[in-house]
Amino acid sequence: MTSFSLGSVWEETIAFLRREWGLLFPVAVAIFAPAQLLIGQAMPAIAEAGASASPTMPAEILLLGPAMLLTLFGHMVLALLATVPGISVGEALAGAIRRFGAALVAIFVAMSVAFAAALAVMVAATLGVMIFQSGVPSANLAAQIATLFIIPFAVVWVRLLMLPAVAACEGQGAAMTLRRAWMLSRDNVMRLVAIWLVMILLGTLLAFIDRMVIGSLFELIKLGTGIEAVPEALRLIVSLGLEATLSLGFSVYVALVYRRLAAG
């Protein structure tokens, strides 16, 4: 299995986005913006429920399901547009729809395995602590053990980073899609981790810009005009556009990584 250069794929991604921006950006906004809007509606309610004295499951958590489905579909559509020469938007949408079921089943299987592994790790760690300490773990230690739950999901997420592109471009069944995505990442785990970390960093930076720069700018507009509804709507549009741009860049980058690895 071949490897790739993070820098060369970055240059290729920038060149591709410059060339096809007029085609790709409307597609990204049409798919990723509604997904981000659903997430934006769900997360404050989830955070508020988690911080309450008696945490309950808010109804808004159901919005995360459609958001994740839209995000997966968007990555599949953009993977086809980035890797298949001469494909139209309609063809990319139709191709993603046809292969969406296999991608969804593959992700469900992978997440189920990750959940089972995470549960096993937590149980083993808890039993080990109780045996060696001869007692119930303290609150701090229990919290540290709970963080182990995340590790299997992080491993699966990194190893299957190219799964939407594999599902969209190769059109295989769920089992073969899962196996193919896992194999493609075998020799490039650290590079894929780097892509993940950069994505997290850019997302954090985008959130800071949204809150400190764009938010402050629109607060000044509200103070100057005395109108509140219009600036808030404009801020939401700008924020969704920036988030869609970040998702677009990430999707195209991963799709071009997939093309290089698949060709090798």
Protein backbone atom coordinates (compact mmCIF):
# COMPACT_ATOMS: atom_id res chain seq x y z
CA MET A 1 0.00 0.00 0.00
CA THR A 2 1.38 3.40 -0.99
CA SER A 3 1.74 6.55 1.11
CA PHE A 4 1.12 10.22 0.39
CA SER A 5 2.54 13.61 1.22
CA LEU A 6 0.34 15.88 3.32
CA GLY A 7 1.83 18.96 1.66
CA SER A 8 1.38 17.79 -1.92
CA VAL A 9 -2.23 16.80 -1.31
CA TRP A 10 -2.81 20.19 0.31
CA GLU A 11 -1.47 21.95 -2.80
CA GLU A 12 -3.63 19.75 -5.01
CA THR A 13 -6.67 20.50 -2.86
CA ILE A 14 -6.14 24.27 -3.07
CA ALA A 15 -5.68 24.11 -6.85
CA PHE A 16 -8.80 21.99 -7.25
CA LEU A 17 -10.91 24.27 -5.06
CA ARG A 18 -9.77 27.36 -6.95
CA ARG A 19 -10.66 25.72 -10.24
CA GLU A 20 -14.02 24.23 -9.21
CA TRP A 21 -15.15 26.63 -6.47
CA GLY A 22 -18.21 27.83 -8.36
CA LEU A 23 -19.44 24.26 -8.65
CA LEU A 24 -18.45 22.86 -5.27
CA PHE A 25 -19.35 25.67 -2.86
CA PRO A 26 -23.12 25.73 -3.62
CA VAL A 27 -23.24 21.94 -3.24
CA ALA A 28 -21.39 22.13 0.09
CA VAL A 29 -23.66 24.89 1.41
CA ALA A 30 -26.81 23.06 0.30
CA ILE A 31 -25.82 19.90 2.20
CA PHE A 32 -23.52 20.92 5.06
CA ALA A 33 -25.28 24.13 6.13
CA PRO A 34 -28.54 22.36 7.11
CA ALA A 35 -26.48 19.74 8.97
CA GLN A 36 -24.61 22.44 10.90
CA LEU A 37 -27.89 24.21 11.62
CA LEU A 38 -29.30 21.03 13.17
CA ILE A 39 -26.14 20.55 15.23
CA GLY A 40 -26.28 24.17 16.35
CA GLN A 41 -29.84 23.62 17.57
CA ALA A 42 -29.00 20.39 19.39
CA MET A 43 -25.69 21.11 21.14
CA PRO A 44 -26.77 23.96 23.47
CA ALA A 45 -29.65 21.85 24.78
CA ILE A 46 -27.38 18.84 25.26
CA ALA A 47 -24.76 20.96 27.07
CA GLU A 48 -27.42 22.52 29.30
CA ALA A 49 -28.84 19.10 30.17
CA GLY A 50 -25.37 17.76 30.97
CA ALA A 51 -24.63 20.67 33.29
CA SER A 52 -27.88 20.34 35.25
CA ALA A 53 -28.06 18.70 38.67
CA SER A 54 -30.25 15.88 37.32
CA PRO A 55 -29.15 15.26 33.71
CA THR A 56 -31.89 14.17 31.32
CA MET A 57 -31.82 13.32 27.64
CA PRO A 58 -33.12 16.38 25.76
CA ALA A 59 -35.37 15.87 22.75
CA GLU A 60 -32.97 17.98 20.67
CA ILE A 61 -30.49 15.09 20.63
CA LEU A 62 -32.65 13.53 17.92
CA LEU A 63 -31.52 16.31 15.59
CA LEU A 64 -27.99 14.84 15.55
CA GLY A 65 -29.19 11.83 13.56
CA PRO A 66 -30.32 13.76 10.45
CA ALA A 67 -27.24 16.01 10.80
CA MET A 68 -24.86 13.04 10.67
CA LEU A 69 -26.74 11.51 7.72
CA LEU A 70 -26.52 14.78 5.80
CA THR A 71 -22.81 15.07 6.60
CA LEU A 72 -22.09 11.55 5.37
CA PHE A 73 -24.10 12.16 2.21
CA GLY A 74 -22.25 15.43 1.58
CA HIS A 75 -18.85 13.77 1.89
CA MET A 76 -19.92 11.09 -0.58
CA VAL A 77 -21.19 13.62 -3.12
CA LEU A 78 -18.04 15.73 -2.90
CA ALA A 79 -15.83 12.63 -3.12
CA LEU A 80 -17.41 11.80 -6.46
CA LEU A 81 -17.08 15.39 -7.71
CA ALA A 82 -13.43 15.49 -6.64
CA THR A 83 -12.32 12.11 -8.02
CA VAL A 84 -14.48 11.32 -11.07
CA PRO A 85 -13.50 13.41 -14.13
CA GLY A 86 -16.37 15.11 -15.94
CA ILE A 87 -19.08 14.03 -13.51
CA SER A 88 -22.03 16.38 -13.11
CA VAL A 89 -23.66 17.40 -9.84
CA GLY A 90 -26.76 15.41 -10.73
CA GLU A 91 -24.71 12.29 -11.41
CA ALA A 92 -22.79 12.75 -8.14
CA LEU A 93 -26.04 13.13 -6.19
CA ALA A 94 -27.54 10.05 -7.85
CA GLY A 95 -24.37 8.02 -7.24
CA ALA A 96 -24.25 9.00 -3.59
CA ILE A 97 -27.93 8.10 -3.12
CA ARG A 98 -27.43 4.66 -4.69
CA ARG A 99 -24.45 3.85 -2.45
CA PHE A 100 -25.61 5.59 0.71
CA GLY A 101 -27.15 2.45 2.21
CA ALA A 102 -23.90 0.46 2.02
CA ALA A 103 -21.97 3.34 3.61
CA LEU A 104 -24.50 3.64 6.41
CA VAL A 105 -24.43 -0.10 7.18
CA ALA A 106 -20.62 -0.08 7.14
CA ILE A 107 -20.49 2.82 9.61
CA PHE A 108 -23.11 1.19 11.85
CA VAL A 109 -21.09 -2.04 11.99
CA ALA A 110 -17.86 -0.15 12.68
CA MET A 111 -19.43 1.93 15.46
CA SER A 112 -21.00 -1.19 16.99
CA VAL A 113 -17.59 -2.87 17.11
CA ALA A 114 -16.06 0.30 18.58
CA PHE A 115 -18.80 0.45 21.23
CA ALA A 116 -18.23 -3.19 22.20
CA ALA A 117 -14.47 -2.61 22.41
CA ALA A 118 -14.93 0.57 24.46
CA LEU A 119 -17.26 -1.21 26.86
CA ALA A 120 -14.80 -4.10 27.24
CA VAL A 121 -11.91 -1.70 27.93
CA MET A 122 -13.91 0.17 30.57
CA VAL A 123 -15.04 -3.03 32.30
CA ALA A 124 -11.50 -4.45 32.28
CA ALA A 125 -10.02 -1.22 33.60
CA THR A 126 -12.65 -0.93 36.34
CA LEU A 127 -12.19 -4.55 37.44
CA GLY A 128 -8.41 -4.14 37.44
CA VAL A 129 -8.61 -1.05 39.64
CA MET A 130 -11.05 -2.71 42.02
CA ILE A 131 -8.84 -5.82 42.31
CA PHE A 132 -5.60 -3.94 42.94
CA GLN A 133 -7.14 -1.23 45.11
CA SER A 134 -9.61 -3.56 46.84
CA GLY A 135 -12.38 -1.02 46.61
CA VAL A 136 -14.53 1.13 44.43
CA PRO A 137 -12.56 3.60 42.24
CA SER A 138 -12.54 7.20 43.40
CA ALA A 139 -14.48 9.82 41.45
CA ASN A 140 -11.34 11.14 39.70
CA LEU A 141 -10.15 7.67 38.79
CA ALA A 142 -13.60 6.72 37.56
CA ALA A 143 -13.58 9.79 35.31
CA GLN A 144 -10.18 8.78 33.93
CA ILE A 145 -11.45 5.29 33.24
CA ALA A 146 -14.48 6.77 31.49
CA THR A 147 -12.19 8.61 29.08
CA LEU A 148 -10.95 5.22 27.87
CA PHE A 149 -14.39 4.82 26.31
CA ILE A 150 -13.42 7.37 23.65
CA ILE A 151 -10.25 5.62 22.47
CA PRO A 152 -11.82 2.82 20.36
CA PHE A 153 -14.10 5.33 18.65
CA ALA A 154 -11.14 7.58 17.85
CA VAL A 155 -9.20 4.64 16.39
CA VAL A 156 -12.12 3.54 14.22
CA TRP A 157 -12.82 7.11 13.10
CA VAL A 158 -9.22 7.63 11.96
CA ARG A 159 -8.92 4.26 10.23
CA LEU A 160 -12.23 4.80 8.40
CA LEU A 161 -11.63 8.42 7.45
CA MET A 162 -11.84 7.49 3.76
CA LEU A 163 -14.95 5.32 4.07
CA PRO A 164 -17.35 7.87 2.46
CA ALA A 165 -15.01 8.19 -0.53
CA VAL A 166 -14.60 4.41 -0.79
CA ALA A 167 -18.36 3.84 -0.60
CA ALA A 168 -19.12 6.57 -3.14
CA CYS A 169 -16.41 5.80 -5.68
CA GLU A 170 -16.17 2.01 -5.58
CA GLY A 171 -19.82 1.06 -5.09
CA GLN A 172 -19.15 -2.15 -3.17
CA GLY A 173 -21.23 -3.76 -0.43
CA ALA A 174 -20.96 -2.73 3.20
CA ALA A 175 -18.50 -5.46 4.19
CA MET A 176 -16.13 -4.80 1.29
CA THR A 177 -16.39 -1.04 1.79
CA LEU A 178 -15.45 -1.43 5.43
CA ARG A 179 -12.54 -3.74 4.62
CA ARG A 180 -11.29 -1.54 1.78
CA ALA A 181 -11.35 1.68 3.85
CA TRP A 182 -9.54 -0.08 6.71
CA MET A 183 -6.84 -1.45 4.37
CA LEU A 184 -6.23 1.89 2.65
CA SER A 185 -5.41 3.53 5.98
CA ARG A 186 -3.13 0.72 7.19
CA ASP A 187 0.22 2.32 6.31
CA ASN A 188 -0.84 5.94 6.84
CA VAL A 189 -2.36 6.05 10.31
CA MET A 190 -0.16 8.90 11.58
CA ARG A 191 -0.84 11.00 8.47
CA LEU A 192 -4.57 10.47 8.95
CA VAL A 193 -4.22 11.43 12.63
CA ALA A 194 -2.50 14.62 11.46
CA ILE A 195 -5.42 15.37 9.13
CA TRP A 196 -7.82 14.81 12.03
CA LEU A 197 -5.86 17.10 14.35
CA VAL A 198 -5.64 19.83 11.71
CA MET A 199 -9.40 19.58 11.19
CA ILE A 200 -9.98 19.96 14.94
CA LEU A 201 -7.58 22.92 15.06
CA LEU A 202 -9.26 24.65 12.13
CA GLY A 203 -12.68 24.00 13.63
CA THR A 204 -11.56 25.55 16.93
CA LEU A 205 -10.08 28.53 15.10
CA LEU A 206 -13.29 28.95 13.11
CA ALA A 207 -15.35 28.90 16.32
CA PHE A 208 -13.06 31.58 17.79
CA ILE A 209 -13.39 33.76 14.69
CA ASP A 210 -17.15 33.28 14.70
CA ARG A 211 -17.46 34.29 18.34
CA MET A 212 -14.83 37.01 18.71
CA VAL A 213 -14.58 38.60 15.26
CA ILE A 214 -17.84 38.02 13.43
CA GLY A 215 -19.87 38.20 16.63
CA SER A 216 -18.28 41.50 17.65
CA LEU A 217 -18.76 42.93 14.17
CA PHE A 218 -22.46 42.16 14.12
CA GLU A 219 -22.88 43.47 17.67
CA LEU A 220 -21.50 46.78 16.41
CA ILE A 221 -23.93 46.68 13.48
CA LYS A 222 -26.83 46.12 15.89
CA LEU A 223 -25.70 49.01 18.07
CA GLY A 224 -25.32 51.27 15.06
CA THR A 225 -28.61 50.42 13.36
CA GLY A 226 -30.79 49.45 16.30
CA ILE A 227 -31.98 46.43 14.33
CA GLU A 228 -31.44 43.03 15.92
CA ALA A 229 -33.15 40.44 13.69
CA VAL A 230 -31.31 41.22 10.45
CA PRO A 231 -27.76 41.18 11.90
CA GLU A 232 -28.48 37.89 13.68
CA ALA A 233 -29.74 36.35 10.45
CA LEU A 234 -26.71 37.63 8.55
CA ARG A 235 -24.36 36.31 11.22
CA LEU A 236 -25.99 32.87 10.98
CA ILE A 237 -25.60 32.88 7.20
CA VAL A 238 -21.93 33.86 7.43
CA SER A 239 -21.24 31.25 10.11
CA LEU A 240 -22.93 28.49 8.12
CA GLY A 241 -21.00 29.53 5.02
CA LEU A 242 -17.68 29.33 6.88
CA GLU A 243 -18.52 25.95 8.38
CA ALA A 244 -19.60 24.64 4.97
CA THR A 245 -16.30 25.88 3.51
CA LEU A 246 -14.32 24.03 6.18
CA SER A 247 -16.30 20.83 5.56
CA LEU A 248 -15.81 21.27 1.81
CA GLY A 249 -12.04 21.60 2.14
CA PHE A 250 -11.84 18.60 4.47
CA SER A 251 -14.00 16.46 2.20
CA VAL A 252 -12.02 17.28 -0.94
CA TYR A 253 -8.71 16.76 0.84
CA VAL A 254 -9.69 13.30 2.08
CA ALA A 255 -11.11 12.39 -1.34
CA LEU A 256 -7.82 13.31 -3.02
CA VAL A 257 -5.93 11.27 -0.41
CA TYR A 258 -8.19 8.35 -1.25
CA ARG A 259 -7.53 8.76 -4.97
CA ARG A 260 -3.78 8.65 -4.42
CA LEU A 261 -3.91 5.60 -2.20
CA ALA A 262 -6.39 3.77 -4.42
CA ALA A 263 -4.26 4.44 -7.49
CA GLY A 264 -1.19 3.05 -5.74
